[in-house]
Amino acid sequence: RWRAVLKEGLDDEYTVEGLLREMQSEGSDISTTDTITNWRSGRTLGPRNAENVRLVLEILDPSTTSLAEPTISALREHVIHYQMRLLTMMQRSKQTLWKKS
């Protein structure tokens, strides 16, 4: 839902530049529009800084601010699972290399 709020807000009300300025005025450390563009496209899962999730929701659709905490938790959980899968793949790769030598 977080990404849907972002997409709808950028389609209907804000430009990426406008959202960046608004977020920066509220204390965000984001420095380029590329960050927001990557969130929108899904190239980047979401903000590393949980405060940026809250800001996006608060600025684009204040009625969804209550989604901030569940969204932040889901993003963190996804990152943990991704890191675990990556570690498992690296370990398997290492084992395969050792068997070949």
PDB file of N, CA and C in Angstrom:
ATOM      1  N   ARG A   1       0.822  -1.205   0.000  1.00  0.00           N
ATOM      2  CA  ARG A   1       0.000   0.000   0.000  1.00  0.00           C
ATOM      3  C   ARG A   1       0.861   1.262   0.000  1.00  0.00           C
ATOM      4  N   TRP A   2       2.026   1.201   0.669  1.00  0.00           N
ATOM      5  CA  TRP A   2       2.917   2.350   0.736  1.00  0.00           C
ATOM      6  C   TRP A   2       3.294   2.830  -0.670  1.00  0.00           C
ATOM      7  N   ARG A   3       3.682   1.893  -1.523  1.00  0.00           N
ATOM      8  CA  ARG A   3       4.086   2.268  -2.878  1.00  0.00           C
ATOM      9  C   ARG A   3       2.899   2.796  -3.673  1.00  0.00           C
ATOM     10  N   ALA A   4       1.717   2.275  -3.438  1.00  0.00           N
ATOM     11  CA  ALA A   4       0.516   2.769  -4.120  1.00  0.00           C
ATOM     12  C   ALA A   4       0.253   4.224  -3.740  1.00  0.00           C
ATOM     13  N   VAL A   5       0.420   4.554  -2.464  1.00  0.00           N
ATOM     14  CA  VAL A   5       0.254   5.944  -2.018  1.00  0.00           C
ATOM     15  C   VAL A   5       1.283   6.824  -2.718  1.00  0.00           C
ATOM     16  N   LEU A   6       2.507   6.349  -2.804  1.00  0.00           N
ATOM     17  CA  LEU A   6       3.565   7.104  -3.471  1.00  0.00           C
ATOM     18  C   LEU A   6       3.226   7.334  -4.941  1.00  0.00           C
ATOM     19  N   LYS A   7       2.852   6.267  -5.644  1.00  0.00           N
ATOM     20  CA  LYS A   7       2.528   6.393  -7.068  1.00  0.00           C
ATOM     21  C   LYS A   7       1.344   7.322  -7.304  1.00  0.00           C
ATOM     22  N   GLU A   8       0.283   7.141  -6.519  1.00  0.00           N
ATOM     23  CA  GLU A   8      -0.910   7.983  -6.682  1.00  0.00           C
ATOM     24  C   GLU A   8      -0.594   9.446  -6.395  1.00  0.00           C
ATOM     25  N   GLY A   9       0.170   9.684  -5.354  1.00  0.00           N
ATOM     26  CA  GLY A   9       0.540  11.057  -5.003  1.00  0.00           C
ATOM     27  C   GLY A   9       1.372  11.715  -6.079  1.00  0.00           C
ATOM     28  N   LEU A  10       2.270  10.948  -6.688  1.00  0.00           N
ATOM     29  CA  LEU A  10       3.109  11.502  -7.754  1.00  0.00           C
ATOM     30  C   LEU A  10       2.337  11.635  -9.061  1.00  0.00           C
ATOM     31  N   ASP A  11       1.336  10.806  -9.266  1.00  0.00           N
ATOM     32  CA  ASP A  11       0.516  10.919 -10.472  1.00  0.00           C
ATOM     33  C   ASP A  11      -0.458  12.089 -10.381  1.00  0.00           C
ATOM     34  N   ASP A  12      -1.003  12.306  -9.179  1.00  0.00           N
ATOM     35  CA  ASP A  12      -2.121  13.238  -9.035  1.00  0.00           C
ATOM     36  C   ASP A  12      -1.761  14.611  -8.487  1.00  0.00           C
ATOM     37  N   GLU A  13      -0.773  14.676  -7.604  1.00  0.00           N
ATOM     38  CA  GLU A  13      -0.616  15.914  -6.848  1.00  0.00           C
ATOM     39  C   GLU A  13       0.788  16.493  -6.865  1.00  0.00           C
ATOM     40  N   TYR A  14       1.785  15.655  -6.743  1.00  0.00           N
ATOM     41  CA  TYR A  14       3.160  16.118  -6.592  1.00  0.00           C
ATOM     42  C   TYR A  14       4.024  15.686  -7.765  1.00  0.00           C
ATOM     43  N   THR A  15       5.056  16.477  -8.024  1.00  0.00           N
ATOM     44  CA  THR A  15       6.144  16.023  -8.884  1.00  0.00           C
ATOM     45  C   THR A  15       7.165  15.371  -7.963  1.00  0.00           C
ATOM     46  N   VAL A  16       8.079  14.628  -8.535  1.00  0.00           N
ATOM     47  CA  VAL A  16       9.145  14.027  -7.729  1.00  0.00           C
ATOM     48  C   VAL A  16       9.952  15.137  -7.053  1.00  0.00           C
ATOM     49  N   GLU A  17      10.216  16.204  -7.796  1.00  0.00           N
ATOM     50  CA  GLU A  17      10.977  17.328  -7.250  1.00  0.00           C
ATOM     51  C   GLU A  17      10.227  17.987  -6.090  1.00  0.00           C
ATOM     52  N   GLY A  18       8.913  18.157  -6.263  1.00  0.00           N
ATOM     53  CA  GLY A  18       8.103  18.770  -5.217  1.00  0.00           C
ATOM     54  C   GLY A  18       8.064  17.926  -3.958  1.00  0.00           C
ATOM     55  N   LEU A  19       7.934  16.611  -4.128  1.00  0.00           N
ATOM     56  CA  LEU A  19       7.927  15.718  -2.972  1.00  0.00           C
ATOM     57  C   LEU A  19       9.284  15.758  -2.274  1.00  0.00           C
ATOM     58  N   LEU A  20      10.356  15.757  -3.046  1.00  0.00           N
ATOM     59  CA  LEU A  20      11.697  15.826  -2.460  1.00  0.00           C
ATOM     60  C   LEU A  20      11.834  17.096  -1.619  1.00  0.00           C
ATOM     61  N   ARG A  21      11.440  18.227  -2.170  1.00  0.00           N
ATOM     62  CA  ARG A  21      11.534  19.495  -1.427  1.00  0.00           C
ATOM     63  C   ARG A  21      10.715  19.442  -0.136  1.00  0.00           C
ATOM     64  N   GLU A  22       9.506  18.922  -0.235  1.00  0.00           N
ATOM     65  CA  GLU A  22       8.631  18.831   0.937  1.00  0.00           C
ATOM     66  C   GLU A  22       9.242  17.919   1.996  1.00  0.00           C
ATOM     67  N   MET A  23       9.776  16.783   1.568  1.00  0.00           N
ATOM     68  CA  MET A  23      10.390  15.858   2.517  1.00  0.00           C
ATOM     69  C   MET A  23      11.623  16.485   3.167  1.00  0.00           C
ATOM     70  N   GLN A  24      12.429  17.179   2.370  1.00  0.00           N
ATOM     71  CA  GLN A  24      13.607  17.839   2.920  1.00  0.00           C
ATOM     72  C   GLN A  24      13.208  18.921   3.924  1.00  0.00           C
ATOM     73  N   SER A  25      12.123  19.634   3.636  1.00  0.00           N
ATOM     74  CA  SER A  25      11.676  20.683   4.567  1.00  0.00           C
ATOM     75  C   SER A  25      11.188  20.091   5.885  1.00  0.00           C
ATOM     76  N   GLU A  26      10.827  18.804   5.858  1.00  0.00           N
ATOM     77  CA  GLU A  26      10.375  18.110   7.069  1.00  0.00           C
ATOM     78  C   GLU A  26      11.518  17.335   7.738  1.00  0.00           C
ATOM     79  N   GLY A  27      12.748  17.495   7.216  1.00  0.00           N
ATOM     80  CA  GLY A  27      13.910  16.901   7.856  1.00  0.00           C
ATOM     81  C   GLY A  27      14.500  15.676   7.196  1.00  0.00           C
ATOM     82  N   SER A  28      13.985  15.275   6.029  1.00  0.00           N
ATOM     83  CA  SER A  28      14.533  14.102   5.346  1.00  0.00           C
ATOM     84  C   SER A  28      15.957  14.381   4.873  1.00  0.00           C
ATOM     85  N   ASP A  29      16.777  13.332   4.890  1.00  0.00           N
ATOM     86  CA  ASP A  29      18.157  13.460   4.413  1.00  0.00           C
ATOM     87  C   ASP A  29      18.311  13.062   2.950  1.00  0.00           C
ATOM     88  N   ILE A  30      17.217  12.798   2.268  1.00  0.00           N
ATOM     89  CA  ILE A  30      17.276  12.449   0.845  1.00  0.00           C
ATOM     90  C   ILE A  30      17.818  13.647   0.073  1.00  0.00           C
ATOM     91  N   SER A  31      18.729  13.392  -0.856  1.00  0.00           N
ATOM     92  CA  SER A  31      19.352  14.516  -1.558  1.00  0.00           C
ATOM     93  C   SER A  31      19.051  14.556  -3.053  1.00  0.00           C
ATOM     94  N   THR A  32      18.547  13.456  -3.623  1.00  0.00           N
ATOM     95  CA  THR A  32      18.279  13.463  -5.066  1.00  0.00           C
ATOM     96  C   THR A  32      16.900  12.891  -5.375  1.00  0.00           C
ATOM     97  N   THR A  33      16.391  13.280  -6.529  1.00  0.00           N
ATOM     98  CA  THR A  33      15.099  12.760  -6.984  1.00  0.00           C
ATOM     99  C   THR A  33      15.203  11.285  -7.373  1.00  0.00           C
ATOM    100  N   ASP A  34      16.406  10.824  -7.680  1.00  0.00           N
ATOM    101  CA  ASP A  34      16.593   9.413  -8.066  1.00  0.00           C
ATOM    102  C   ASP A  34      16.090   8.461  -6.986  1.00  0.00           C
ATOM    103  N   THR A  35      16.280   8.830  -5.748  1.00  0.00           N
ATOM    104  CA  THR A  35      15.844   7.982  -4.638  1.00  0.00           C
ATOM    105  C   THR A  35      14.341   7.752  -4.701  1.00  0.00           C
ATOM    106  N   ILE A  36      13.584   8.819  -4.854  1.00  0.00           N
ATOM    107  CA  ILE A  36      12.129   8.717  -4.915  1.00  0.00           C
ATOM    108  C   ILE A  36      11.695   7.985  -6.178  1.00  0.00           C
ATOM    109  N   THR A  37      12.349   8.279  -7.287  1.00  0.00           N
ATOM    110  CA  THR A  37      12.044   7.603  -8.546  1.00  0.00           C
ATOM    111  C   THR A  37      12.258   6.096  -8.416  1.00  0.00           C
ATOM    112  N   ASN A  38      13.323   5.696  -7.746  1.00  0.00           N
ATOM    113  CA  ASN A  38      13.601   4.269  -7.545  1.00  0.00           C
ATOM    114  C   ASN A  38      12.585   3.615  -6.619  1.00  0.00           C
ATOM    115  N   TRP A  39      12.108   4.328  -5.611  1.00  0.00           N
ATOM    116  CA  TRP A  39      11.044   3.784  -4.760  1.00  0.00           C
ATOM    117  C   TRP A  39       9.794   3.563  -5.586  1.00  0.00           C
ATOM    118  N   ARG A  40       9.478   4.564  -6.399  1.00  0.00           N
ATOM    119  CA  ARG A  40       8.244   4.501  -7.194  1.00  0.00           C
ATOM    120  C   ARG A  40       8.263   3.314  -8.158  1.00  0.00           C
ATOM    121  N   SER A  41       9.392   3.130  -8.830  1.00  0.00           N
ATOM    122  CA  SER A  41       9.487   2.079  -9.847  1.00  0.00           C
ATOM    123  C   SER A  41       9.623   0.683  -9.245  1.00  0.00           C
ATOM    124  N   GLY A  42      10.011   0.626  -7.985  1.00  0.00           N
ATOM    125  CA  GLY A  42      10.254  -0.669  -7.358  1.00  0.00           C
ATOM    126  C   GLY A  42      11.689  -1.123  -7.499  1.00  0.00           C
ATOM    127  N   ARG A  43      12.511  -0.313  -8.146  1.00  0.00           N
ATOM    128  CA  ARG A  43      13.932  -0.651  -8.279  1.00  0.00           C
ATOM    129  C   ARG A  43      14.582  -0.750  -6.898  1.00  0.00           C
ATOM    130  N   THR A  44      14.130   0.110  -6.002  1.00  0.00           N
ATOM    131  CA  THR A  44      14.553   0.060  -4.609  1.00  0.00           C
ATOM    132  C   THR A  44      13.335  -0.315  -3.787  1.00  0.00           C
ATOM    133  N   LEU A  45      13.488  -1.250  -2.879  1.00  0.00           N
ATOM    134  CA  LEU A  45      12.367  -1.728  -2.085  1.00  0.00           C
ATOM    135  C   LEU A  45      11.676  -0.589  -1.342  1.00  0.00           C
ATOM    136  N   GLY A  46      12.448   0.249  -0.727  1.00  0.00           N
ATOM    137  CA  GLY A  46      11.887   1.357   0.037  1.00  0.00           C
ATOM    138  C   GLY A  46      12.984   2.077   0.779  1.00  0.00           C
ATOM    139  N   PRO A  47      12.606   3.068   1.545  1.00  0.00           N
ATOM    140  CA  PRO A  47      13.595   3.854   2.281  1.00  0.00           C
ATOM    141  C   PRO A  47      14.342   3.039   3.323  1.00  0.00           C
ATOM    142  N   ARG A  48      15.603   3.350   3.490  1.00  0.00           N
ATOM    143  CA  ARG A  48      16.380   2.757   4.578  1.00  0.00           C
ATOM    144  C   ARG A  48      16.017   3.428   5.893  1.00  0.00           C
ATOM    145  N   ASN A  49      15.702   4.708   5.793  1.00  0.00           N
ATOM    146  CA  ASN A  49      15.345   5.488   6.967  1.00  0.00           C
ATOM    147  C   ASN A  49      13.827   5.409   7.164  1.00  0.00           C
ATOM    148  N   ALA A  50      13.419   4.833   8.269  1.00  0.00           N
ATOM    149  CA  ALA A  50      11.993   4.636   8.533  1.00  0.00           C
ATOM    150  C   ALA A  50      11.218   5.953   8.538  1.00  0.00           C
ATOM    151  N   GLU A  51      11.871   7.025   8.924  1.00  0.00           N
ATOM    152  CA  GLU A  51      11.202   8.326   8.958  1.00  0.00           C
ATOM    153  C   GLU A  51      10.730   8.737   7.559  1.00  0.00           C
ATOM    154  N   ASN A  52      11.436   8.322   6.528  1.00  0.00           N
ATOM    155  CA  ASN A  52      11.034   8.674   5.167  1.00  0.00           C
ATOM    156  C   ASN A  52       9.740   7.980   4.746  1.00  0.00           C
ATOM    157  N   VAL A  53       9.494   6.783   5.250  1.00  0.00           N
ATOM    158  CA  VAL A  53       8.214   6.110   4.988  1.00  0.00           C
ATOM    159  C   VAL A  53       7.090   6.951   5.583  1.00  0.00           C
ATOM    160  N   ARG A  54       7.284   7.339   6.835  1.00  0.00           N
ATOM    161  CA  ARG A  54       6.269   8.144   7.512  1.00  0.00           C
ATOM    162  C   ARG A  54       6.035   9.464   6.776  1.00  0.00           C
ATOM    163  N   LEU A  55       7.112  10.105   6.324  1.00  0.00           N
ATOM    164  CA  LEU A  55       6.975  11.376   5.619  1.00  0.00           C
ATOM    165  C   LEU A  55       6.211  11.228   4.305  1.00  0.00           C
ATOM    166  N   VAL A  56       6.524  10.198   3.538  1.00  0.00           N
ATOM    167  CA  VAL A  56       5.814   9.972   2.273  1.00  0.00           C
ATOM    168  C   VAL A  56       4.321   9.837   2.531  1.00  0.00           C
ATOM    169  N   LEU A  57       3.966   9.006   3.490  1.00  0.00           N
ATOM    170  CA  LEU A  57       2.555   8.790   3.797  1.00  0.00           C
ATOM    171  C   LEU A  57       1.903  10.068   4.323  1.00  0.00           C
ATOM    172  N   GLU A  58       2.588  10.749   5.215  1.00  0.00           N
ATOM    173  CA  GLU A  58       2.044  11.961   5.822  1.00  0.00           C
ATOM    174  C   GLU A  58       1.837  13.072   4.790  1.00  0.00           C
ATOM    175  N   ILE A  59       2.779  13.218   3.879  1.00  0.00           N
ATOM    176  CA  ILE A  59       2.698  14.283   2.873  1.00  0.00           C
ATOM    177  C   ILE A  59       1.676  13.948   1.789  1.00  0.00           C
ATOM    178  N   LEU A  60       1.720  12.730   1.288  1.00  0.00           N
ATOM    179  CA  LEU A  60       0.893  12.386   0.130  1.00  0.00           C
ATOM    180  C   LEU A  60      -0.533  11.982   0.487  1.00  0.00           C
ATOM    181  N   ASP A  61      -0.709  11.350   1.643  1.00  0.00           N
ATOM    182  CA  ASP A  61      -2.060  10.943   2.054  1.00  0.00           C
ATOM    183  C   ASP A  61      -2.088  10.801   3.573  1.00  0.00           C
ATOM    184  N   PRO A  62      -2.304  11.916   4.277  1.00  0.00           N
ATOM    185  CA  PRO A  62      -2.251  11.896   5.737  1.00  0.00           C
ATOM    186  C   PRO A  62      -3.153  10.830   6.385  1.00  0.00           C
ATOM    187  N   SER A  63      -4.202  10.419   5.694  1.00  0.00           N
ATOM    188  CA  SER A  63      -5.086   9.399   6.273  1.00  0.00           C
ATOM    189  C   SER A  63      -4.411   8.030   6.354  1.00  0.00           C
ATOM    190  N   THR A  64      -3.265   7.870   5.692  1.00  0.00           N
ATOM    191  CA  THR A  64      -2.565   6.578   5.694  1.00  0.00           C
ATOM    192  C   THR A  64      -1.361   6.558   6.627  1.00  0.00           C
ATOM    193  N   THR A  65      -1.161   7.605   7.395  1.00  0.00           N
ATOM    194  CA  THR A  65       0.005   7.682   8.277  1.00  0.00           C
ATOM    195  C   THR A  65       0.072   6.486   9.225  1.00  0.00           C
ATOM    196  N   SER A  66      -1.067   5.938   9.583  1.00  0.00           N
ATOM    197  CA  SER A  66      -1.085   4.775  10.488  1.00  0.00           C
ATOM    198  C   SER A  66      -0.441   3.541   9.853  1.00  0.00           C
ATOM    199  N   LEU A  67      -0.252   3.562   8.542  1.00  0.00           N
ATOM    200  CA  LEU A  67       0.396   2.438   7.857  1.00  0.00           C
ATOM    201  C   LEU A  67       1.917   2.477   7.990  1.00  0.00           C
ATOM    202  N   ALA A  68       2.453   3.560   8.521  1.00  0.00           N
ATOM    203  CA  ALA A  68       3.911   3.722   8.575  1.00  0.00           C
ATOM    204  C   ALA A  68       4.590   2.588   9.342  1.00  0.00           C
ATOM    205  N   GLU A  69       4.166   2.322  10.552  1.00  0.00           N
ATOM    206  CA  GLU A  69       4.831   1.297  11.364  1.00  0.00           C
ATOM    207  C   GLU A  69       4.736  -0.098  10.750  1.00  0.00           C
ATOM    208  N   PRO A  70       3.542  -0.548  10.316  1.00  0.00           N
ATOM    209  CA  PRO A  70       3.486  -1.870   9.673  1.00  0.00           C
ATOM    210  C   PRO A  70       4.344  -1.933   8.399  1.00  0.00           C
ATOM    211  N   THR A  71       4.388  -0.835   7.665  1.00  0.00           N
ATOM    212  CA  THR A  71       5.190  -0.796   6.436  1.00  0.00           C
ATOM    213  C   THR A  71       6.668  -0.904   6.763  1.00  0.00           C
ATOM    214  N   ILE A  72       7.101  -0.147   7.747  1.00  0.00           N
ATOM    215  CA  ILE A  72       8.507  -0.177   8.161  1.00  0.00           C
ATOM    216  C   ILE A  72       8.884  -1.583   8.622  1.00  0.00           C
ATOM    217  N   SER A  73       8.026  -2.209   9.410  1.00  0.00           N
ATOM    218  CA  SER A  73       8.286  -3.581   9.878  1.00  0.00           C
ATOM    219  C   SER A  73       8.384  -4.550   8.707  1.00  0.00           C
ATOM    220  N   ALA A  74       7.483  -4.424   7.752  1.00  0.00           N
ATOM    221  CA  ALA A  74       7.495  -5.314   6.582  1.00  0.00           C
ATOM    222  C   ALA A  74       8.760  -5.110   5.751  1.00  0.00           C
ATOM    223  N   LEU A  75       9.170  -3.862   5.564  1.00  0.00           N
ATOM    224  CA  LEU A  75      10.392  -3.588   4.804  1.00  0.00           C
ATOM    225  C   LEU A  75      11.604  -4.192   5.501  1.00  0.00           C
ATOM    226  N   ARG A  76      11.677  -4.030   6.807  1.00  0.00           N
ATOM    227  CA  ARG A  76      12.807  -4.589   7.563  1.00  0.00           C
ATOM    228  C   ARG A  76      12.830  -6.117   7.471  1.00  0.00           C
ATOM    229  N   GLU A  77      11.655  -6.719   7.601  1.00  0.00           N
ATOM    230  CA  GLU A  77      11.568  -8.169   7.521  1.00  0.00           C
ATOM    231  C   GLU A  77      12.003  -8.663   6.137  1.00  0.00           C
ATOM    232  N   HIS A  78      11.572  -7.959   5.099  1.00  0.00           N
ATOM    233  CA  HIS A  78      11.948  -8.332   3.743  1.00  0.00           C
ATOM    234  C   HIS A  78      13.462  -8.252   3.563  1.00  0.00           C
ATOM    235  N   VAL A  79      14.072  -7.215   4.092  1.00  0.00           N
ATOM    236  CA  VAL A  79      15.524  -7.049   3.978  1.00  0.00           C
ATOM    237  C   VAL A  79      16.235  -8.191   4.698  1.00  0.00           C
ATOM    238  N   ILE A  80      15.760  -8.563   5.864  1.00  0.00           N
ATOM    239  CA  ILE A  80      16.377  -9.663   6.616  1.00  0.00           C
ATOM    240  C   ILE A  80      16.286 -10.965   5.823  1.00  0.00           C
ATOM    241  N   HIS A  81      15.117 -11.255   5.253  1.00  0.00           N
ATOM    242  CA  HIS A  81      14.954 -12.474   4.457  1.00  0.00           C
ATOM    243  C   HIS A  81      15.849 -12.449   3.218  1.00  0.00           C
ATOM    244  N   TYR A  82      15.947 -11.294   2.587  1.00  0.00           N
ATOM    245  CA  TYR A  82      16.801 -11.161   1.406  1.00  0.00           C
ATOM    246  C   TYR A  82      18.261 -11.415   1.784  1.00  0.00           C
ATOM    247  N   GLN A  83      18.696 -10.840   2.896  1.00  0.00           N
ATOM    248  CA  GLN A  83      20.078 -11.030   3.327  1.00  0.00           C
ATOM    249  C   GLN A  83      20.348 -12.492   3.667  1.00  0.00           C
ATOM    250  N   MET A  84      19.382 -13.160   4.264  1.00  0.00           N
ATOM    251  CA  MET A  84      19.551 -14.578   4.592  1.00  0.00           C
ATOM    252  C   MET A  84      19.658 -15.425   3.322  1.00  0.00           C
ATOM    253  N   ARG A  85      18.800 -15.119   2.333  1.00  0.00           N
ATOM    254  CA  ARG A  85      18.870 -15.865   1.062  1.00  0.00           C
ATOM    255  C   ARG A  85      20.211 -15.629   0.384  1.00  0.00           C
ATOM    256  N   LEU A  86      20.666 -14.399   0.405  1.00  0.00           N
ATOM    257  CA  LEU A  86      21.946 -14.067  -0.216  1.00  0.00           C
ATOM    258  C   LEU A  86      23.092 -14.798   0.477  1.00  0.00           C
ATOM    259  N   LEU A  87      23.068 -14.816   1.788  1.00  0.00           N
ATOM    260  CA  LEU A  87      24.098 -15.523   2.547  1.00  0.00           C
ATOM    261  C   LEU A  87      24.085 -17.012   2.233  1.00  0.00           C
ATOM    262  N   THR A  88      22.913 -17.604   2.158  1.00  0.00           N
ATOM    263  CA  THR A  88      22.779 -19.024   1.818  1.00  0.00           C
ATOM    264  C   THR A  88      23.347 -19.305   0.432  1.00  0.00           C
ATOM    265  N   MET A  89      23.027 -18.444  -0.519  1.00  0.00           N
ATOM    266  CA  MET A  89      23.548 -18.624  -1.885  1.00  0.00           C
ATOM    267  C   MET A  89      25.061 -18.517  -1.905  1.00  0.00           C
ATOM    268  N   MET A  90      25.613 -17.591  -1.140  1.00  0.00           N
ATOM    269  CA  MET A  90      27.069 -17.427  -1.096  1.00  0.00           C
ATOM    270  C   MET A  90      27.728 -18.648  -0.468  1.00  0.00           C
ATOM    271  N   GLN A  91      27.115 -19.185   0.583  1.00  0.00           N
ATOM    272  CA  GLN A  91      27.667 -20.364   1.236  1.00  0.00           C
ATOM    273  C   GLN A  91      27.650 -21.567   0.290  1.00  0.00           C
ATOM    274  N   ARG A  92      26.567 -21.737  -0.443  1.00  0.00           N
ATOM    275  CA  ARG A  92      26.469 -22.842  -1.403  1.00  0.00           C
ATOM    276  C   ARG A  92      27.508 -22.687  -2.509  1.00  0.00           C
ATOM    277  N   SER A  93      27.684 -21.467  -2.948  1.00  0.00           N
ATOM    278  CA  SER A  93      28.666 -21.191  -3.990  1.00  0.00           C
ATOM    279  C   SER A  93      30.065 -21.540  -3.504  1.00  0.00           C
ATOM    280  N   LYS A  94      30.347 -21.145  -2.287  1.00  0.00           N
ATOM    281  CA  LYS A  94      31.654 -21.422  -1.701  1.00  0.00           C
ATOM    282  C   LYS A  94      31.870 -22.929  -1.587  1.00  0.00           C
ATOM    283  N   GLN A  95      30.856 -23.670  -1.151  1.00  0.00           N
ATOM    284  CA  GLN A  95      30.949 -25.121  -1.023  1.00  0.00           C
ATOM    285  C   GLN A  95      31.204 -25.762  -2.379  1.00  0.00           C
ATOM    286  N   THR A  96      30.523 -25.265  -3.399  1.00  0.00           N
ATOM    287  CA  THR A  96      30.698 -25.799  -4.745  1.00  0.00           C
ATOM    288  C   THR A  96      32.126 -25.563  -5.225  1.00  0.00           C
ATOM    289  N   LEU A  97      32.647 -24.383  -4.967  1.00  0.00           N
ATOM    290  CA  LEU A  97      34.028 -24.075  -5.371  1.00  0.00           C
ATOM    291  C   LEU A  97      35.030 -24.988  -4.657  1.00  0.00           C
ATOM    292  N   TRP A  98      34.798 -25.241  -3.369  1.00  0.00           N
ATOM    293  CA  TRP A  98      35.713 -26.102  -2.623  1.00  0.00           C
ATOM    294  C   TRP A  98      35.668 -27.547  -3.136  1.00  0.00           C
ATOM    295  N   LYS A  99      34.506 -27.997  -3.550  1.00  0.00           N
ATOM    296  CA  LYS A  99      34.391 -29.366  -4.065  1.00  0.00           C
ATOM    297  C   LYS A  99      35.133 -29.535  -5.389  1.00  0.00           C
ATOM    298  N   LYS A 100      35.173 -28.448  -6.191  1.00  0.00           N
ATOM    299  CA  LYS A 100      35.817 -28.515  -7.508  1.00  0.00           C
ATOM    300  C   LYS A 100      37.338 -28.486  -7.394  1.00  0.00           C
ATOM    301  N   SER A 101      37.862 -27.942  -6.292  1.00  0.00           N
ATOM    302  CA  SER A 101      39.318 -27.832  -6.213  1.00  0.00           C
ATOM    303  C   SER A 101      39.961 -28.958  -5.474  1.00  0.00           C
TER     304      SER A 101
END
